[in-house]
PDB file of N, CA and C in Angstrom:
ATOM      1  N   MET A   1      -8.701  42.199  23.182  1.00  0.00           N
ATOM      2  CA  MET A   1      -7.642  41.474  21.938  1.00  0.00           C
ATOM      3  C   MET A   1      -7.209  40.055  22.508  1.00  0.00           C
ATOM      4  N   LYS A   2      -6.373  40.564  23.632  1.00  0.00           N
ATOM      5  CA  LYS A   2      -5.526  39.367  24.112  1.00  0.00           C
ATOM      6  C   LYS A   2      -6.452  37.964  24.695  1.00  0.00           C
ATOM      7  N   ASN A   3      -7.663  38.315  25.251  1.00  0.00           N
ATOM      8  CA  ASN A   3      -8.357  37.312  25.694  1.00  0.00           C
ATOM      9  C   ASN A   3      -9.058  36.545  24.216  1.00  0.00           C
ATOM     10  N   THR A   4      -9.144  37.284  23.336  1.00  0.00           N
ATOM     11  CA  THR A   4      -9.560  36.532  21.892  1.00  0.00           C
ATOM     12  C   THR A   4      -8.758  35.633  21.613  1.00  0.00           C
ATOM     13  N   PHE A   5      -7.453  36.164  21.492  1.00  0.00           N
ATOM     14  CA  PHE A   5      -6.441  35.548  20.957  1.00  0.00           C
ATOM     15  C   PHE A   5      -5.943  34.217  21.759  1.00  0.00           C
ATOM     16  N   VAL A   6      -6.348  34.376  23.356  1.00  0.00           N
ATOM     17  CA  VAL A   6      -5.983  32.957  24.104  1.00  0.00           C
ATOM     18  C   VAL A   6      -7.166  32.121  23.916  1.00  0.00           C
ATOM     19  N   GLY A   7      -8.155  32.710  23.603  1.00  0.00           N
ATOM     20  CA  GLY A   7      -9.507  31.792  23.269  1.00  0.00           C
ATOM     21  C   GLY A   7      -8.978  31.123  22.014  1.00  0.00           C
ATOM     22  N   PHE A   8      -8.698  31.808  21.084  1.00  0.00           N
ATOM     23  CA  PHE A   8      -8.705  31.223  19.736  1.00  0.00           C
ATOM     24  C   PHE A   8      -7.470  29.990  19.895  1.00  0.00           C
ATOM     25  N   LEU A   9      -6.585  30.474  20.398  1.00  0.00           N
ATOM     26  CA  LEU A   9      -5.227  29.208  20.653  1.00  0.00           C
ATOM     27  C   LEU A   9      -5.989  28.034  21.264  1.00  0.00           C
ATOM     28  N   THR A  10      -6.612  28.277  22.504  1.00  0.00           N
ATOM     29  CA  THR A  10      -7.270  27.320  23.391  1.00  0.00           C
ATOM     30  C   THR A  10      -8.290  26.311  22.436  1.00  0.00           C
ATOM     31  N   LEU A  11      -9.033  27.079  21.523  1.00  0.00           N
ATOM     32  CA  LEU A  11      -9.649  26.215  20.461  1.00  0.00           C
ATOM     33  C   LEU A  11      -9.030  25.565  19.735  1.00  0.00           C
ATOM     34  N   VAL A  12      -7.946  26.212  18.888  1.00  0.00           N
ATOM     35  CA  VAL A  12      -7.214  25.248  17.984  1.00  0.00           C
ATOM     36  C   VAL A  12      -6.483  24.268  18.800  1.00  0.00           C
ATOM     37  N   ALA A  13      -5.799  24.228  20.054  1.00  0.00           N
ATOM     38  CA  ALA A  13      -5.224  23.341  20.545  1.00  0.00           C
ATOM     39  C   ALA A  13      -6.462  22.163  20.881  1.00  0.00           C
ATOM     40  N   ILE A  14      -7.754  22.508  21.384  1.00  0.00           N
ATOM     41  CA  ILE A  14      -8.752  21.102  21.470  1.00  0.00           C
ATOM     42  C   ILE A  14      -9.188  20.694  20.086  1.00  0.00           C
ATOM     43  N   MET A  15      -9.119  21.329  19.106  1.00  0.00           N
ATOM     44  CA  MET A  15      -9.363  20.739  17.856  1.00  0.00           C
ATOM     45  C   MET A  15      -8.164  19.644  17.466  1.00  0.00           C
ATOM     46  N   LEU A  16      -7.220  20.478  17.811  1.00  0.00           N
ATOM     47  CA  LEU A  16      -6.029  19.303  17.282  1.00  0.00           C
ATOM     48  C   LEU A  16      -5.778  18.146  18.368  1.00  0.00           C
ATOM     49  N   LEU A  17      -6.459  18.355  19.516  1.00  0.00           N
ATOM     50  CA  LEU A  17      -6.458  16.946  20.268  1.00  0.00           C
ATOM     51  C   LEU A  17      -7.376  16.171  20.008  1.00  0.00           C
ATOM     52  N   THR A  18      -8.788  16.663  19.543  1.00  0.00           N
ATOM     53  CA  THR A  18      -9.688  15.842  19.306  1.00  0.00           C
ATOM     54  C   THR A  18      -9.917  15.205  17.872  1.00  0.00           C
ATOM     55  N   VAL A  19      -9.219  15.916  16.842  1.00  0.00           N
ATOM     56  CA  VAL A  19      -9.110  15.076  15.705  1.00  0.00           C
ATOM     57  C   VAL A  19      -8.484  14.252  15.474  1.00  0.00           C
ATOM     58  N   GLU A  20      -9.117  13.022  14.805  1.00  0.00           N
ATOM     59  CA  GLU A  20      -8.446  11.593  14.616  1.00  0.00           C
ATOM     60  C   GLU A  20      -7.276  11.811  13.555  1.00  0.00           C
ATOM     61  N   PRO A  21      -6.299  11.136  13.944  1.00  0.00           N
ATOM     62  CA  PRO A  21      -5.132  11.155  13.173  1.00  0.00           C
ATOM     63  C   PRO A  21      -5.437  10.223  11.729  1.00  0.00           C
ATOM     64  N   GLY A  22      -4.758  10.518  10.772  1.00  0.00           N
ATOM     65  CA  GLY A  22      -5.240   9.785   9.254  1.00  0.00           C
ATOM     66  C   GLY A  22      -5.146   8.361   9.572  1.00  0.00           C
ATOM     67  N   GLN A  23      -5.765   7.697   8.716  1.00  0.00           N
ATOM     68  CA  GLN A  23      -5.624   5.906   8.714  1.00  0.00           C
ATOM     69  C   GLN A  23      -4.275   5.798   8.603  1.00  0.00           C
ATOM     70  N   SER A  24      -3.813   4.857   9.313  1.00  0.00           N
ATOM     71  CA  SER A  24      -2.494   4.071   8.950  1.00  0.00           C
ATOM     72  C   SER A  24      -2.855   2.763   8.153  1.00  0.00           C
ATOM     73  N   PHE A  25      -1.761   2.457   7.703  1.00  0.00           N
ATOM     74  CA  PHE A  25      -1.656   1.303   6.630  1.00  0.00           C
ATOM     75  C   PHE A  25      -2.322   0.307   7.149  1.00  0.00           C
ATOM     76  N   SER A  26      -3.122  -0.541   6.430  1.00  0.00           N
ATOM     77  CA  SER A  26      -3.945  -1.834   6.645  1.00  0.00           C
ATOM     78  C   SER A  26      -3.502  -3.114   5.657  1.00  0.00           C
ATOM     79  N   CYS A  27      -3.046  -3.784   6.059  1.00  0.00           N
ATOM     80  CA  CYS A  27      -2.561  -5.192   5.371  1.00  0.00           C
ATOM     81  C   CYS A  27      -4.070  -5.783   4.508  1.00  0.00           C
ATOM     82  N   ASN A  28      -4.994  -5.772   5.247  1.00  0.00           N
ATOM     83  CA  ASN A  28      -6.254  -6.080   4.554  1.00  0.00           C
ATOM     84  C   ASN A  28      -6.708  -5.509   3.641  1.00  0.00           C
ATOM     85  N   ASP A  29      -6.314  -4.173   3.636  1.00  0.00           N
ATOM     86  CA  ASP A  29      -6.717  -3.265   2.524  1.00  0.00           C
ATOM     87  C   ASP A  29      -5.943  -3.743   1.568  1.00  0.00           C
ATOM     88  N   ALA A  30      -4.663  -3.624   1.730  1.00  0.00           N
ATOM     89  CA  ALA A  30      -3.404  -4.022   0.586  1.00  0.00           C
ATOM     90  C   ALA A  30      -3.744  -5.428   0.134  1.00  0.00           C
ATOM     91  N   THR A  31      -4.058  -6.261   0.823  1.00  0.00           N
ATOM     92  CA  THR A  31      -4.295  -7.443   0.086  1.00  0.00           C
ATOM     93  C   THR A  31      -5.615  -7.676  -0.867  1.00  0.00           C
ATOM     94  N   ASN A  32      -6.436  -6.562  -0.409  1.00  0.00           N
ATOM     95  CA  ASN A  32      -7.938  -6.618  -1.283  1.00  0.00           C
ATOM     96  C   ASN A  32      -7.644  -5.767  -2.271  1.00  0.00           C
ATOM     97  N   GLN A  33      -6.666  -4.808  -2.399  1.00  0.00           N
ATOM     98  CA  GLN A  33      -6.263  -3.836  -3.552  1.00  0.00           C
ATOM     99  C   GLN A  33      -5.479  -4.827  -4.548  1.00  0.00           C
ATOM    100  N   ILE A  34      -4.800  -5.593  -3.961  1.00  0.00           N
ATOM    101  CA  ILE A  34      -3.861  -6.353  -4.953  1.00  0.00           C
ATOM    102  C   ILE A  34      -4.688  -7.678  -5.531  1.00  0.00           C
ATOM    103  N   ALA A  35      -5.565  -8.158  -4.793  1.00  0.00           N
ATOM    104  CA  ALA A  35      -6.498  -9.547  -5.021  1.00  0.00           C
ATOM    105  C   ALA A  35      -6.760  -9.623  -6.726  1.00  0.00           C
ATOM    106  N   PRO A  36      -7.146  -8.801  -7.440  1.00  0.00           N
ATOM    107  CA  PRO A  36      -7.512  -8.910  -8.685  1.00  0.00           C
ATOM    108  C   PRO A  36      -6.285  -8.990  -9.707  1.00  0.00           C
ATOM    109  N   CYS A  37      -5.079  -8.771  -8.903  1.00  0.00           N
ATOM    110  CA  CYS A  37      -3.726  -9.226  -9.559  1.00  0.00           C
ATOM    111  C   CYS A  37      -3.436 -10.647  -9.640  1.00  0.00           C
ATOM    112  N   LEU A  38      -4.155 -11.864  -8.805  1.00  0.00           N
ATOM    113  CA  LEU A  38      -3.564 -12.994  -8.307  1.00  0.00           C
ATOM    114  C   LEU A  38      -3.625 -13.755  -9.594  1.00  0.00           C
ATOM    115  N   GLY A  39      -4.974 -13.630 -10.581  1.00  0.00           N
ATOM    116  CA  GLY A  39      -4.569 -14.207 -11.722  1.00  0.00           C
ATOM    117  C   GLY A  39      -3.440 -14.297 -12.647  1.00  0.00           C
ATOM    118  N   TYR A  40      -2.952 -12.758 -12.813  1.00  0.00           N
ATOM    119  CA  TYR A  40      -1.958 -12.448 -13.590  1.00  0.00           C
ATOM    120  C   TYR A  40      -0.742 -12.792 -12.976  1.00  0.00           C
ATOM    121  N   ILE A  41      -0.518 -12.579 -11.483  1.00  0.00           N
ATOM    122  CA  ILE A  41       0.738 -13.042 -11.099  1.00  0.00           C
ATOM    123  C   ILE A  41       1.096 -14.377 -10.995  1.00  0.00           C
ATOM    124  N   THR A  42      -0.083 -15.277 -11.207  1.00  0.00           N
ATOM    125  CA  THR A  42       0.107 -16.830 -11.086  1.00  0.00           C
ATOM    126  C   THR A  42       0.162 -17.247 -12.387  1.00  0.00           C
ATOM    127  N   GLY A  43       0.140 -16.358 -13.407  1.00  0.00           N
ATOM    128  CA  GLY A  43       0.476 -16.819 -14.504  1.00  0.00           C
ATOM    129  C   GLY A  43      -0.945 -17.537 -15.628  1.00  0.00           C
ATOM    130  N   GLN A  44      -1.986 -16.799 -14.963  1.00  0.00           N
ATOM    131  CA  GLN A  44      -3.318 -17.378 -15.548  1.00  0.00           C
ATOM    132  C   GLN A  44      -4.124 -16.426 -15.917  1.00  0.00           C
ATOM    133  N   GLY A  45      -3.734 -15.273 -16.145  1.00  0.00           N
ATOM    134  CA  GLY A  45      -4.362 -14.055 -16.343  1.00  0.00           C
ATOM    135  C   GLY A  45      -4.163 -12.991 -17.459  1.00  0.00           C
ATOM    136  N   GLY A  46      -3.393 -13.553 -18.460  1.00  0.00           N
ATOM    137  CA  GLY A  46      -2.774 -13.308 -20.057  1.00  0.00           C
ATOM    138  C   GLY A  46      -1.532 -12.496 -19.537  1.00  0.00           C
ATOM    139  N   ASP A  47      -1.278 -11.839 -20.582  1.00  0.00           N
ATOM    140  CA  ASP A  47       0.113 -11.198 -20.963  1.00  0.00           C
ATOM    141  C   ASP A  47       0.445  -9.788 -19.950  1.00  0.00           C
ATOM    142  N   SER A  48      -0.716  -9.173 -19.769  1.00  0.00           N
ATOM    143  CA  SER A  48      -0.813  -8.138 -18.862  1.00  0.00           C
ATOM    144  C   SER A  48      -2.023  -7.975 -17.858  1.00  0.00           C
ATOM    145  N   PRO A  49      -1.506  -7.323 -16.643  1.00  0.00           N
ATOM    146  CA  PRO A  49      -2.574  -7.139 -15.838  1.00  0.00           C
ATOM    147  C   PRO A  49      -3.625  -6.464 -16.316  1.00  0.00           C
ATOM    148  N   PRO A  50      -4.989  -7.049 -15.653  1.00  0.00           N
ATOM    149  CA  PRO A  50      -6.118  -6.415 -15.854  1.00  0.00           C
ATOM    150  C   PRO A  50      -6.111  -4.788 -15.385  1.00  0.00           C
ATOM    151  N   SER A  51      -7.152  -3.975 -15.806  1.00  0.00           N
ATOM    152  CA  SER A  51      -7.390  -2.917 -15.400  1.00  0.00           C
ATOM    153  C   SER A  51      -7.549  -2.764 -13.937  1.00  0.00           C
ATOM    154  N   GLU A  52      -8.375  -3.496 -13.209  1.00  0.00           N
ATOM    155  CA  GLU A  52      -8.907  -3.756 -12.001  1.00  0.00           C
ATOM    156  C   GLU A  52      -7.750  -4.055 -11.295  1.00  0.00           C
ATOM    157  N   CYS A  53      -6.576  -4.735 -11.356  1.00  0.00           N
ATOM    158  CA  CYS A  53      -5.383  -5.037 -10.921  1.00  0.00           C
ATOM    159  C   CYS A  53      -4.729  -3.734 -10.655  1.00  0.00           C
ATOM    160  N   CYS A  54      -4.603  -3.052 -11.870  1.00  0.00           N
ATOM    161  CA  CYS A  54      -3.735  -1.733 -12.002  1.00  0.00           C
ATOM    162  C   CYS A  54      -4.311  -0.874 -11.209  1.00  0.00           C
ATOM    163  N   ASN A  55      -5.614  -0.766 -11.113  1.00  0.00           N
ATOM    164  CA  ASN A  55      -6.192   0.121 -10.270  1.00  0.00           C
ATOM    165  C   ASN A  55      -6.018   0.033  -8.812  1.00  0.00           C
ATOM    166  N   GLY A  56      -5.931  -1.242  -8.456  1.00  0.00           N
ATOM    167  CA  GLY A  56      -5.278  -1.606  -6.854  1.00  0.00           C
ATOM    168  C   GLY A  56      -4.271  -1.236  -6.564  1.00  0.00           C
ATOM    169  N   VAL A  57      -3.194  -1.491  -7.634  1.00  0.00           N
ATOM    170  CA  VAL A  57      -2.097  -1.347  -7.410  1.00  0.00           C
ATOM    171  C   VAL A  57      -1.604   0.130  -7.275  1.00  0.00           C
ATOM    172  N   ARG A  58      -2.394   1.041  -8.045  1.00  0.00           N
ATOM    173  CA  ARG A  58      -2.202   2.598  -7.880  1.00  0.00           C
ATOM    174  C   ARG A  58      -2.724   2.946  -6.412  1.00  0.00           C
ATOM    175  N   ALA A  59      -3.805   2.262  -6.143  1.00  0.00           N
ATOM    176  CA  ALA A  59      -4.427   2.694  -4.641  1.00  0.00           C
ATOM    177  C   ALA A  59      -3.605   2.233  -4.005  1.00  0.00           C
ATOM    178  N   LEU A  60      -2.871   1.116  -3.732  1.00  0.00           N
ATOM    179  CA  LEU A  60      -2.034   0.456  -2.750  1.00  0.00           C
ATOM    180  C   LEU A  60      -1.008   1.776  -2.889  1.00  0.00           C
ATOM    181  N   VAL A  61      -0.261   2.005  -3.873  1.00  0.00           N
ATOM    182  CA  VAL A  61       0.975   2.875  -3.900  1.00  0.00           C
ATOM    183  C   VAL A  61       0.672   4.181  -3.070  1.00  0.00           C
ATOM    184  N   SER A  62      -0.562   4.648  -3.936  1.00  0.00           N
ATOM    185  CA  SER A  62      -0.731   5.935  -2.962  1.00  0.00           C
ATOM    186  C   SER A  62      -1.309   5.775  -1.618  1.00  0.00           C
ATOM    187  N   SER A  63      -1.434   4.637  -1.138  1.00  0.00           N
ATOM    188  CA  SER A  63      -1.858   4.662   0.391  1.00  0.00           C
ATOM    189  C   SER A  63      -0.599   4.447   1.378  1.00  0.00           C
ATOM    190  N   VAL A  64       0.570   4.341   0.738  1.00  0.00           N
ATOM    191  CA  VAL A  64       2.048   4.168   1.379  1.00  0.00           C
ATOM    192  C   VAL A  64       2.707   5.286   1.291  1.00  0.00           C
ATOM    193  N   PRO A  65       2.502   6.530   1.758  1.00  0.00           N
ATOM    194  CA  PRO A  65       3.334   7.774   1.266  1.00  0.00           C
ATOM    195  C   PRO A  65       4.867   7.552   2.314  1.00  0.00           C
ATOM    196  N   THR A  66       4.847   6.775   3.204  1.00  0.00           N
ATOM    197  CA  THR A  66       5.895   7.253   4.287  1.00  0.00           C
ATOM    198  C   THR A  66       6.577   5.929   4.149  1.00  0.00           C
ATOM    199  N   THR A  67       7.900   6.110   4.525  1.00  0.00           N
ATOM    200  CA  THR A  67       8.678   5.051   4.626  1.00  0.00           C
ATOM    201  C   THR A  67       8.433   3.750   5.385  1.00  0.00           C
ATOM    202  N   PRO A  68       7.590   4.039   6.765  1.00  0.00           N
ATOM    203  CA  PRO A  68       7.070   3.238   7.571  1.00  0.00           C
ATOM    204  C   PRO A  68       5.942   2.470   7.164  1.00  0.00           C
ATOM    205  N   ASP A  69       5.111   3.426   6.163  1.00  0.00           N
ATOM    206  CA  ASP A  69       4.129   2.561   5.451  1.00  0.00           C
ATOM    207  C   ASP A  69       4.343   1.786   4.393  1.00  0.00           C
ATOM    208  N   ARG A  70       5.543   1.950   3.672  1.00  0.00           N
ATOM    209  CA  ARG A  70       5.887   1.135   2.319  1.00  0.00           C
ATOM    210  C   ARG A  70       6.687  -0.007   2.887  1.00  0.00           C
ATOM    211  N   ARG A  71       7.565   0.107   4.276  1.00  0.00           N
ATOM    212  CA  ARG A  71       7.824  -1.268   4.736  1.00  0.00           C
ATOM    213  C   ARG A  71       6.751  -2.247   5.440  1.00  0.00           C
ATOM    214  N   ALA A  72       5.761  -1.407   5.531  1.00  0.00           N
ATOM    215  CA  ALA A  72       4.543  -2.233   6.250  1.00  0.00           C
ATOM    216  C   ALA A  72       3.870  -3.031   5.316  1.00  0.00           C
ATOM    217  N   ALA A  73       3.787  -2.212   3.746  1.00  0.00           N
ATOM    218  CA  ALA A  73       3.297  -2.842   2.863  1.00  0.00           C
ATOM    219  C   ALA A  73       4.039  -3.815   2.160  1.00  0.00           C
ATOM    220  N   CYS A  74       5.126  -3.740   2.175  1.00  0.00           N
ATOM    221  CA  CYS A  74       6.086  -4.879   1.555  1.00  0.00           C
ATOM    222  C   CYS A  74       6.041  -6.049   2.593  1.00  0.00           C
ATOM    223  N   GLU A  75       6.035  -5.916   3.693  1.00  0.00           N
ATOM    224  CA  GLU A  75       5.836  -7.207   4.836  1.00  0.00           C
ATOM    225  C   GLU A  75       4.833  -7.414   4.529  1.00  0.00           C
ATOM    226  N   CYS A  76       3.597  -7.127   4.270  1.00  0.00           N
ATOM    227  CA  CYS A  76       2.464  -7.744   4.061  1.00  0.00           C
ATOM    228  C   CYS A  76       2.151  -8.572   2.726  1.00  0.00           C
ATOM    229  N   LEU A  77       2.660  -7.744   1.701  1.00  0.00           N
ATOM    230  CA  LEU A  77       2.862  -8.672   0.751  1.00  0.00           C
ATOM    231  C   LEU A  77       3.798  -9.664   0.718  1.00  0.00           C
ATOM    232  N   LYS A  78       4.824  -9.585   1.407  1.00  0.00           N
ATOM    233  CA  LYS A  78       5.752 -10.810   1.434  1.00  0.00           C
ATOM    234  C   LYS A  78       4.900 -11.881   2.106  1.00  0.00           C
ATOM    235  N   GLY A  79       4.034 -11.626   3.131  1.00  0.00           N
ATOM    236  CA  GLY A  79       3.216 -12.672   3.666  1.00  0.00           C
ATOM    237  C   GLY A  79       2.494 -13.339   2.758  1.00  0.00           C
ATOM    238  N   ALA A  80       1.966 -12.512   2.235  1.00  0.00           N
ATOM    239  CA  ALA A  80       0.602 -12.853   0.987  1.00  0.00           C
ATOM    240  C   ALA A  80       1.304 -13.818  -0.001  1.00  0.00           C
ATOM    241  N   ALA A  81       2.721 -13.248  -0.467  1.00  0.00           N
ATOM    242  CA  ALA A  81       3.386 -14.114  -1.494  1.00  0.00           C
ATOM    243  C   ALA A  81       3.719 -15.492  -0.738  1.00  0.00           C
ATOM    244  N   ALA A  82       3.970 -15.614   0.398  1.00  0.00           N
ATOM    245  CA  ALA A  82       4.691 -16.871   0.991  1.00  0.00           C
ATOM    246  C   ALA A  82       3.306 -17.810   0.899  1.00  0.00           C
ATOM    247  N   ALA A  83       1.929 -17.077   1.337  1.00  0.00           N
ATOM    248  CA  ALA A  83       0.782 -17.977   1.287  1.00  0.00           C
ATOM    249  C   ALA A  83       0.350 -18.608  -0.036  1.00  0.00           C
ATOM    250  N   PHE A  84       0.792 -17.892  -1.107  1.00  0.00           N
ATOM    251  CA  PHE A  84       0.443 -18.695  -2.471  1.00  0.00           C
ATOM    252  C   PHE A  84       1.864 -18.928  -3.171  1.00  0.00           C
ATOM    253  N   PRO A  85       2.074 -20.253  -2.890  1.00  0.00           N
ATOM    254  CA  PRO A  85       3.198 -20.729  -3.612  1.00  0.00           C
ATOM    255  C   PRO A  85       3.197 -20.831  -5.385  1.00  0.00           C
ATOM    256  N   ALA A  86       1.798 -20.535  -5.909  1.00  0.00           N
ATOM    257  CA  ALA A  86       1.669 -20.683  -7.339  1.00  0.00           C
ATOM    258  C   ALA A  86       2.212 -19.292  -8.011  1.00  0.00           C
ATOM    259  N   ILE A  87       2.670 -18.451  -7.207  1.00  0.00           N
ATOM    260  CA  ILE A  87       2.794 -17.044  -7.758  1.00  0.00           C
ATOM    261  C   ILE A  87       4.411 -17.040  -8.185  1.00  0.00           C
ATOM    262  N   LYS A  88       4.447 -16.603  -9.746  1.00  0.00           N
ATOM    263  CA  LYS A  88       5.174 -16.527 -10.392  1.00  0.00           C
ATOM    264  C   LYS A  88       6.316 -15.405 -10.044  1.00  0.00           C
ATOM    265  N   ASP A  89       7.293 -15.741  -9.740  1.00  0.00           N
ATOM    266  CA  ASP A  89       8.275 -14.145  -9.261  1.00  0.00           C
ATOM    267  C   ASP A  89       8.367 -13.434 -10.402  1.00  0.00           C
ATOM    268  N   ASP A  90       8.714 -13.844 -11.711  1.00  0.00           N
ATOM    269  CA  ASP A  90       9.011 -12.820 -12.635  1.00  0.00           C
ATOM    270  C   ASP A  90       7.514 -12.013 -12.898  1.00  0.00           C
ATOM    271  N   LEU A  91       6.586 -12.483 -12.810  1.00  0.00           N
ATOM    272  CA  LEU A  91       5.401 -11.836 -13.112  1.00  0.00           C
ATOM    273  C   LEU A  91       5.136 -10.791 -11.807  1.00  0.00           C
ATOM    274  N   ALA A  92       5.195 -11.165 -10.863  1.00  0.00           N
ATOM    275  CA  ALA A  92       4.947 -10.629  -9.526  1.00  0.00           C
ATOM    276  C   ALA A  92       6.091  -9.198  -9.591  1.00  0.00           C
ATOM    277  N   ASN A  93       7.189  -9.656  -9.772  1.00  0.00           N
ATOM    278  CA  ASN A  93       8.290  -8.595  -9.876  1.00  0.00           C
ATOM    279  C   ASN A  93       8.037  -7.358 -10.974  1.00  0.00           C
ATOM    280  N   SER A  94       7.286  -7.999 -11.885  1.00  0.00           N
ATOM    281  CA  SER A  94       7.077  -6.666 -13.166  1.00  0.00           C
ATOM    282  C   SER A  94       5.622  -6.091 -12.627  1.00  0.00           C
ATOM    283  N   LEU A  95       4.883  -6.506 -11.655  1.00  0.00           N
ATOM    284  CA  LEU A  95       3.568  -6.041 -11.720  1.00  0.00           C
ATOM    285  C   LEU A  95       3.341  -4.523 -11.483  1.00  0.00           C
ATOM    286  N   PHE A  96       4.246  -4.001 -10.469  1.00  0.00           N
ATOM    287  CA  PHE A  96       4.192  -2.560 -10.454  1.00  0.00           C
ATOM    288  C   PHE A  96       4.485  -1.684 -11.834  1.00  0.00           C
ATOM    289  N   LYS A  97       5.542  -2.195 -12.365  1.00  0.00           N
ATOM    290  CA  LYS A  97       6.348  -1.635 -13.557  1.00  0.00           C
ATOM    291  C   LYS A  97       5.268  -1.677 -14.839  1.00  0.00           C
ATOM    292  N   LYS A  98       4.508  -2.981 -15.136  1.00  0.00           N
ATOM    293  CA  LYS A  98       3.482  -3.282 -15.755  1.00  0.00           C
ATOM    294  C   LYS A  98       2.070  -2.122 -15.601  1.00  0.00           C
ATOM    295  N   CYS A  99       2.130  -1.767 -14.188  1.00  0.00           N
ATOM    296  CA  CYS A  99       0.986  -0.808 -14.180  1.00  0.00           C
ATOM    297  C   CYS A  99       1.225   0.404 -14.048  1.00  0.00           C
ATOM    298  N   GLY A 100       2.465   0.756 -14.477  1.00  0.00           N
ATOM    299  CA  GLY A 100       3.032   2.060 -14.778  1.00  0.00           C
ATOM    300  C   GLY A 100       3.311   2.937 -13.302  1.00  0.00           C
ATOM    301  N   VAL A 101       3.411   2.283 -12.376  1.00  0.00           N
ATOM    302  CA  VAL A 101       3.773   2.723 -10.906  1.00  0.00           C
ATOM    303  C   VAL A 101       5.377   2.428 -10.635  1.00  0.00           C
ATOM    304  N   SER A 102       5.756   3.457  -9.441  1.00  0.00           N
ATOM    305  CA  SER A 102       7.139   2.951  -9.010  1.00  0.00           C
ATOM    306  C   SER A 102       7.219   2.812  -7.994  1.00  0.00           C
ATOM    307  N   VAL A 103       8.022   1.869  -7.209  1.00  0.00           N
ATOM    308  CA  VAL A 103       7.701   1.718  -5.724  1.00  0.00           C
ATOM    309  C   VAL A 103       9.008   0.953  -5.488  1.00  0.00           C
ATOM    310  N   GLU A 104       9.510   0.838  -4.408  1.00  0.00           N
ATOM    311  CA  GLU A 104      10.953   0.110  -3.803  1.00  0.00           C
ATOM    312  C   GLU A 104      10.778  -1.060  -3.763  1.00  0.00           C
ATOM    313  N   PHE A 105       9.492  -2.032  -3.910  1.00  0.00           N
ATOM    314  CA  PHE A 105       9.273  -3.176  -3.387  1.00  0.00           C
ATOM    315  C   PHE A 105       8.860  -3.871  -4.143  1.00  0.00           C
ATOM    316  N   SER A 106       8.461  -5.159  -4.357  1.00  0.00           N
ATOM    317  CA  SER A 106       8.092  -6.015  -5.252  1.00  0.00           C
ATOM    318  C   SER A 106       7.062  -7.173  -4.371  1.00  0.00           C
ATOM    319  N   ILE A 107       6.447  -7.928  -5.222  1.00  0.00           N
ATOM    320  CA  ILE A 107       5.382  -8.937  -4.656  1.00  0.00           C
ATOM    321  C   ILE A 107       6.643 -10.258  -4.386  1.00  0.00           C
ATOM    322  N   SER A 108       7.224 -10.523  -3.308  1.00  0.00           N
ATOM    323  CA  SER A 108       7.811 -11.544  -3.305  1.00  0.00           C
ATOM    324  C   SER A 108       8.191 -12.177  -1.621  1.00  0.00           C
ATOM    325  N   LYS A 109       8.149 -13.614  -1.542  1.00  0.00           N
ATOM    326  CA  LYS A 109       8.438 -14.174  -0.332  1.00  0.00           C
ATOM    327  C   LYS A 109       9.881 -14.007  -0.001  1.00  0.00           C
ATOM    328  N   ASP A 110      10.676 -13.475  -0.709  1.00  0.00           N
ATOM    329  CA  ASP A 110      12.126 -13.386  -0.334  1.00  0.00           C
ATOM    330  C   ASP A 110      12.891 -11.889  -0.480  1.00  0.00           C
ATOM    331  N   ILE A 111      11.958 -10.974  -0.344  1.00  0.00           N
ATOM    332  CA  ILE A 111      12.418  -9.682  -0.541  1.00  0.00           C
ATOM    333  C   ILE A 111      12.581  -9.099   1.148  1.00  0.00           C
ATOM    334  N   ASN A 112      13.870  -8.234   1.095  1.00  0.00           N
ATOM    335  CA  ASN A 112      14.165  -7.785   2.451  1.00  0.00           C
ATOM    336  C   ASN A 112      13.573  -6.220   2.130  1.00  0.00           C
ATOM    337  N   CYS A 113      12.333  -6.179   3.124  1.00  0.00           N
ATOM    338  CA  CYS A 113      11.618  -5.221   3.236  1.00  0.00           C
ATOM    339  C   CYS A 113      12.584  -3.729   4.119  1.00  0.00           C
ATOM    340  N   GLN A 114      13.240  -4.323   4.696  1.00  0.00           N
ATOM    341  CA  GLN A 114      13.918  -3.153   5.354  1.00  0.00           C
ATOM    342  C   GLN A 114      15.047  -2.494   4.722  1.00  0.00           C
ATOM    343  N   THR A 115      15.047  -2.748   3.442  1.00  0.00           N
ATOM    344  CA  THR A 115      16.071  -1.833   2.680  1.00  0.00           C
ATOM    345  C   THR A 115      15.500  -0.822   2.011  1.00  0.00           C
TER     346      THR A 115
END
């Protein structure tokens, strides 16, 4: 019985060492998820974000469960906002709320992602 238990623990240890950890945050994925929102946040997409945009926003928010992930997403979107000067701050700031999600950051080139 003791040998079986030791063998089982050894097997579990090997499995833990060989299982790949979950994917970490990807800025490329985040910008692709938010891409359908570009028309809306530049003021060229109507009064509300399209459903594809909100689907991307929800996917982004669900992909950043930890504080380091959220900070990385914030920095990523901050860089993306700086690259698109046509983004209207008021629309970008309201995007997550209009899509029905709550998150501690917005899409802004001026946001402090460390708070």
